[in-house]
Amino acid sequence: MEAKSTYMGTMIVLATVAFGLIAAGAWNKLIADVIALFLKPGAGIWAELIYAVLVTLLAILVVNGLGKMAAREIGPKT
């Protein structure tokens, strides 16, 4: 019986990761399209640098927020 629950847990994790990758690709396209509105086509390396910095900052904010949310859920360690 334990093998079945391990299998189900693994399948849930794999499905979650797969949907996470799909969502990440969608966000990547959206962010790239928004930046393209403000930069000329063929802006080259500067456009890529701005994109990389903005995505990095967004990732930091999201991960930091998720960490704080998780800390609230877990509560203080005693």
Protein backbone atom coordinates (compact mmCIF):
# COMPACT_ATOMS: atom_id res chain seq x y z
CA MET A 1 0.00 0.00 0.00
CA GLU A 2 2.91 2.34 0.76
CA ALA A 3 4.27 1.96 -2.79
CA LYS A 4 0.93 3.14 -4.20
CA SER A 5 0.93 6.30 -2.07
CA THR A 6 4.56 6.98 -3.01
CA TYR A 7 3.65 6.56 -6.68
CA MET A 8 0.69 8.93 -6.36
CA GLY A 9 2.81 11.49 -4.54
CA THR A 10 5.44 11.33 -7.27
CA MET A 11 2.82 11.73 -10.00
CA ILE A 12 1.35 14.78 -8.23
CA VAL A 13 4.79 16.37 -7.94
CA LEU A 14 5.55 15.70 -11.62
CA ALA A 15 2.22 17.16 -12.75
CA THR A 16 2.76 20.22 -10.55
CA VAL A 17 6.24 20.79 -11.99
CA ALA A 18 4.94 20.36 -15.54
CA PHE A 19 2.21 22.96 -15.05
CA GLY A 20 4.74 25.23 -13.34
CA LEU A 21 6.98 25.09 -16.41
CA ILE A 22 4.06 25.88 -18.69
CA ALA A 23 3.09 28.85 -16.50
CA ALA A 24 6.72 30.05 -16.43
CA GLY A 25 6.83 29.97 -20.23
CA ALA A 26 3.62 32.00 -20.43
CA TRP A 27 4.95 34.60 -17.99
CA ASN A 28 8.24 34.73 -19.88
CA LYS A 29 6.42 35.54 -23.11
CA LEU A 30 4.24 38.16 -21.45
CA ILE A 31 7.21 39.92 -19.83
CA ALA A 32 9.18 39.83 -23.08
CA ASP A 33 6.22 41.28 -24.99
CA VAL A 34 5.72 44.07 -22.44
CA ILE A 35 9.39 45.02 -22.59
CA ALA A 36 9.24 44.96 -26.39
CA LEU A 37 6.57 47.68 -26.21
CA PHE A 38 9.15 50.05 -24.71
CA LEU A 39 12.27 49.04 -26.62
CA LYS A 40 12.92 49.30 -30.32
CA PRO A 41 13.14 46.03 -32.25
CA GLY A 42 16.74 44.97 -32.63
CA ALA A 43 17.80 46.85 -29.49
CA GLY A 44 20.24 43.98 -29.02
CA ILE A 45 22.20 43.32 -25.89
CA TRP A 46 20.77 46.25 -23.96
CA ALA A 47 17.25 44.92 -24.37
CA GLU A 48 18.39 41.50 -23.19
CA LEU A 49 20.18 43.03 -20.20
CA ILE A 50 17.10 45.02 -19.19
CA TYR A 51 14.95 41.92 -19.62
CA ALA A 52 17.31 39.79 -17.51
CA VAL A 53 17.47 42.39 -14.73
CA LEU A 54 13.68 42.84 -14.63
CA VAL A 55 13.02 39.10 -14.58
CA THR A 56 15.62 38.62 -11.85
CA LEU A 57 14.06 41.36 -9.72
CA LEU A 58 10.61 39.87 -10.26
CA ALA A 59 11.88 36.43 -9.28
CA ILE A 60 13.46 37.82 -6.10
CA LEU A 61 10.23 39.58 -5.13
CA VAL A 62 8.09 36.49 -5.76
CA VAL A 63 10.41 34.09 -3.93
CA ASN A 64 10.74 36.52 -1.01
CA GLY A 65 6.96 36.87 -0.81
CA LEU A 66 6.46 33.11 -0.94
CA GLY A 67 9.05 32.67 1.81
CA LYS A 68 7.25 35.16 4.06
CA MET A 69 3.92 33.50 3.35
CA ALA A 70 5.37 30.09 4.21
CA ALA A 71 6.89 31.47 7.41
CA ARG A 72 3.46 32.80 8.46
CA GLU A 73 1.87 29.42 7.75
CA ILE A 74 4.48 27.50 9.70
CA GLY A 75 4.58 30.00 12.55
CA PRO A 76 7.41 30.69 14.96
CA LYS A 77 9.64 27.81 15.93
CA THR A 78 9.52 26.91 19.61
